[in-house]
Amino acid sequence: MAERNDANDNFEQGIFKALENQKRRDILRLIGEKRGIKFTDILNATKTPDSPTLSYHLRELAPFITQRQGKYELTSIGKDAYNLLLKTASYGRVALFQKKRAGATFGNILLWGIGIVAAAYLGVEVMLWAVIMPFYDCCRYNLAAV
């Protein structure tokens, strides 16, 4: 039983070791996108400096890829890893968008606060700065979108 756990642990370590390298993740993405790509095409697309280096990376990716008729394809676990890479890339974009949106929201709130304080300081009527200006601003953005 202990031998089986050791084998599973070694397999798991090999999986994560293979995916920790950016070049190998790029190769895995490329094979996933092309669904059957030759060695020389991988070499050129990834700008790998030489054949032995690419061969090393392909050996490390052995659980994820297989070679059939001179072309590399994803295995079942390779497809899972490829999908995971796609999901993490899209998650990163969503997180960046949410971060930028939060910054923009804070900036708008800050500008509105400064505008209200300035209007109050200058003695502008409450009706102008509290009711009309937000409506004007909202309409201006809607007209700009059209």
Protein backbone atom coordinates (compact mmCIF):
# COMPACT_ATOMS: atom_id res chain seq x y z
CA MET A 1 0.00 0.00 0.00
CA ALA A 2 2.88 2.36 0.80
CA GLU A 3 4.42 1.66 -2.60
CA ARG A 4 1.19 2.67 -4.30
CA ASN A 5 1.08 5.98 -2.39
CA ASP A 6 4.71 6.64 -3.30
CA ALA A 7 3.93 6.01 -6.97
CA ASN A 8 0.95 8.39 -6.80
CA ASP A 9 3.04 11.02 -5.05
CA ASN A 10 5.80 10.71 -7.66
CA PHE A 11 3.27 10.97 -10.49
CA GLU A 12 1.70 14.03 -8.88
CA GLN A 13 5.10 15.65 -8.39
CA GLY A 14 5.96 14.95 -12.02
CA ILE A 15 2.73 16.57 -13.17
CA PHE A 16 3.35 19.76 -11.21
CA LYS A 17 7.02 19.82 -12.15
CA ALA A 18 6.10 19.66 -15.82
CA LEU A 19 3.62 22.52 -15.49
CA GLU A 20 5.81 24.80 -13.40
CA ASN A 21 7.90 25.76 -16.44
CA GLN A 22 6.46 28.54 -18.64
CA LYS A 23 7.99 27.13 -21.84
CA ARG A 24 6.29 23.78 -21.25
CA ARG A 25 2.95 25.49 -20.56
CA ASP A 26 3.37 27.37 -23.85
CA ILE A 27 4.12 24.10 -25.67
CA LEU A 28 1.07 22.47 -24.08
CA ARG A 29 -1.14 25.40 -25.16
CA LEU A 30 0.25 25.22 -28.68
CA ILE A 31 -0.39 21.48 -29.00
CA GLY A 32 -3.89 21.99 -27.58
CA GLU A 33 -4.67 24.75 -30.07
CA LYS A 34 -3.26 22.95 -33.12
CA ARG A 35 -4.57 19.46 -32.22
CA GLY A 36 -1.74 17.66 -33.92
CA ILE A 37 1.48 19.51 -34.64
CA LYS A 38 4.89 18.41 -35.88
CA PHE A 39 8.14 18.76 -33.95
CA THR A 40 9.57 21.40 -36.29
CA ASP A 41 6.38 23.46 -36.08
CA ILE A 42 6.60 23.43 -32.27
CA LEU A 43 10.29 24.33 -32.48
CA ASN A 44 9.55 27.36 -34.70
CA ALA A 45 6.39 28.51 -32.92
CA THR A 46 7.92 28.44 -29.43
CA LYS A 47 11.24 29.91 -30.55
CA THR A 48 13.09 27.16 -28.73
CA PRO A 49 16.83 27.61 -29.37
CA ASP A 50 17.56 24.02 -30.43
CA SER A 51 16.12 20.53 -30.92
CA PRO A 52 17.62 18.94 -27.77
CA THR A 53 16.02 21.63 -25.60
CA LEU A 54 12.62 21.03 -27.18
CA SER A 55 13.07 17.26 -26.86
CA TYR A 56 13.77 17.70 -23.15
CA HIS A 57 10.59 19.76 -22.68
CA LEU A 58 8.52 17.25 -24.65
CA ARG A 59 9.86 14.40 -22.49
CA GLU A 60 8.86 16.33 -19.36
CA LEU A 61 5.38 16.75 -20.87
CA ALA A 62 5.05 12.98 -21.45
CA PRO A 63 1.93 12.55 -19.25
CA PHE A 64 0.18 15.26 -21.26
CA ILE A 65 1.15 14.50 -24.85
CA THR A 66 1.50 11.59 -27.21
CA GLN A 67 3.02 11.27 -30.66
CA ARG A 68 0.99 9.72 -33.49
CA GLN A 69 2.08 9.67 -37.11
CA GLY A 70 4.78 12.26 -36.47
CA LYS A 71 2.42 14.73 -34.78
CA TYR A 72 2.02 15.58 -31.12
CA GLU A 73 -1.44 15.45 -29.56
CA LEU A 74 -2.86 15.84 -26.09
CA THR A 75 -3.66 12.83 -23.94
CA SER A 76 -6.73 12.75 -21.73
CA ILE A 77 -4.85 14.35 -18.82
CA GLY A 78 -3.24 16.73 -21.32
CA LYS A 79 -6.69 17.95 -22.38
CA ASP A 80 -7.56 18.53 -18.74
CA ALA A 81 -4.33 20.46 -18.18
CA TYR A 82 -4.92 22.48 -21.37
CA ASN A 83 -8.45 23.39 -20.20
CA LEU A 84 -7.06 24.37 -16.81
CA LEU A 85 -4.51 26.65 -18.50
CA LEU A 86 -7.29 28.28 -20.53
CA LYS A 87 -9.40 28.81 -17.41
CA THR A 88 -6.55 30.33 -15.43
CA ALA A 89 -5.74 32.71 -18.29
CA SER A 90 -9.35 33.89 -18.53
CA TYR A 91 -9.61 34.15 -14.73
CA GLY A 92 -6.53 36.39 -14.73
CA ARG A 93 -8.17 38.70 -17.27
CA VAL A 94 -11.40 38.84 -15.24
CA ALA A 95 -9.49 39.61 -12.03
CA LEU A 96 -7.57 42.40 -13.79
CA PHE A 97 -10.83 43.85 -15.15
CA GLN A 98 -12.43 43.77 -11.70
CA LYS A 99 -9.37 45.45 -10.20
CA LYS A 100 -9.48 48.22 -12.81
CA ARG A 101 -13.24 48.60 -12.39
CA ALA A 102 -12.83 48.99 -8.62
CA GLY A 103 -10.18 51.65 -9.19
CA ALA A 104 -12.41 53.51 -11.64
CA THR A 105 -15.35 53.37 -9.23
CA PHE A 106 -13.19 54.77 -6.43
CA GLY A 107 -11.94 57.52 -8.74
CA ASN A 108 -15.49 58.50 -9.72
CA ILE A 109 -16.63 58.59 -6.10
CA LEU A 110 -13.63 60.72 -5.18
CA LEU A 111 -14.30 63.18 -8.03
CA TRP A 112 -17.98 63.44 -7.12
CA GLY A 113 -17.06 64.08 -3.49
CA ILE A 114 -14.62 66.83 -4.47
CA GLY A 115 -17.23 68.34 -6.79
CA ILE A 116 -19.89 68.38 -4.07
CA VAL A 117 -17.51 69.91 -1.52
CA ALA A 118 -16.41 72.56 -4.04
CA ALA A 119 -20.03 73.36 -4.94
CA ALA A 120 -20.96 73.67 -1.27
CA TYR A 121 -17.91 75.87 -0.63
CA LEU A 122 -18.75 78.13 -3.58
CA GLY A 123 -22.37 78.37 -2.48
CA VAL A 124 -23.91 76.76 -5.56
CA GLU A 125 -27.55 75.87 -5.07
CA VAL A 126 -28.21 72.44 -3.62
CA MET A 127 -30.60 71.65 -6.47
CA LEU A 128 -27.83 72.16 -9.07
CA TRP A 129 -25.06 70.05 -7.56
CA ALA A 130 -27.16 67.33 -5.93
CA VAL A 131 -29.88 66.66 -8.52
CA ILE A 132 -29.16 68.19 -11.93
CA MET A 133 -25.42 67.45 -12.24
CA PRO A 134 -25.70 63.66 -11.73
CA PHE A 135 -28.56 63.55 -14.25
CA TYR A 136 -26.55 65.63 -16.73
CA ASP A 137 -23.52 63.40 -16.28
CA CYS A 138 -25.60 60.25 -16.80
CA CYS A 139 -27.22 61.61 -19.98
CA ARG A 140 -23.87 62.79 -21.33
CA TYR A 141 -22.44 59.26 -21.09
CA ASN A 142 -25.54 57.71 -22.69
CA LEU A 143 -25.40 60.15 -25.62
CA ALA A 144 -21.69 59.50 -26.09
CA ALA A 145 -22.37 55.77 -26.41
CA VAL A 146 -24.89 56.30 -29.23
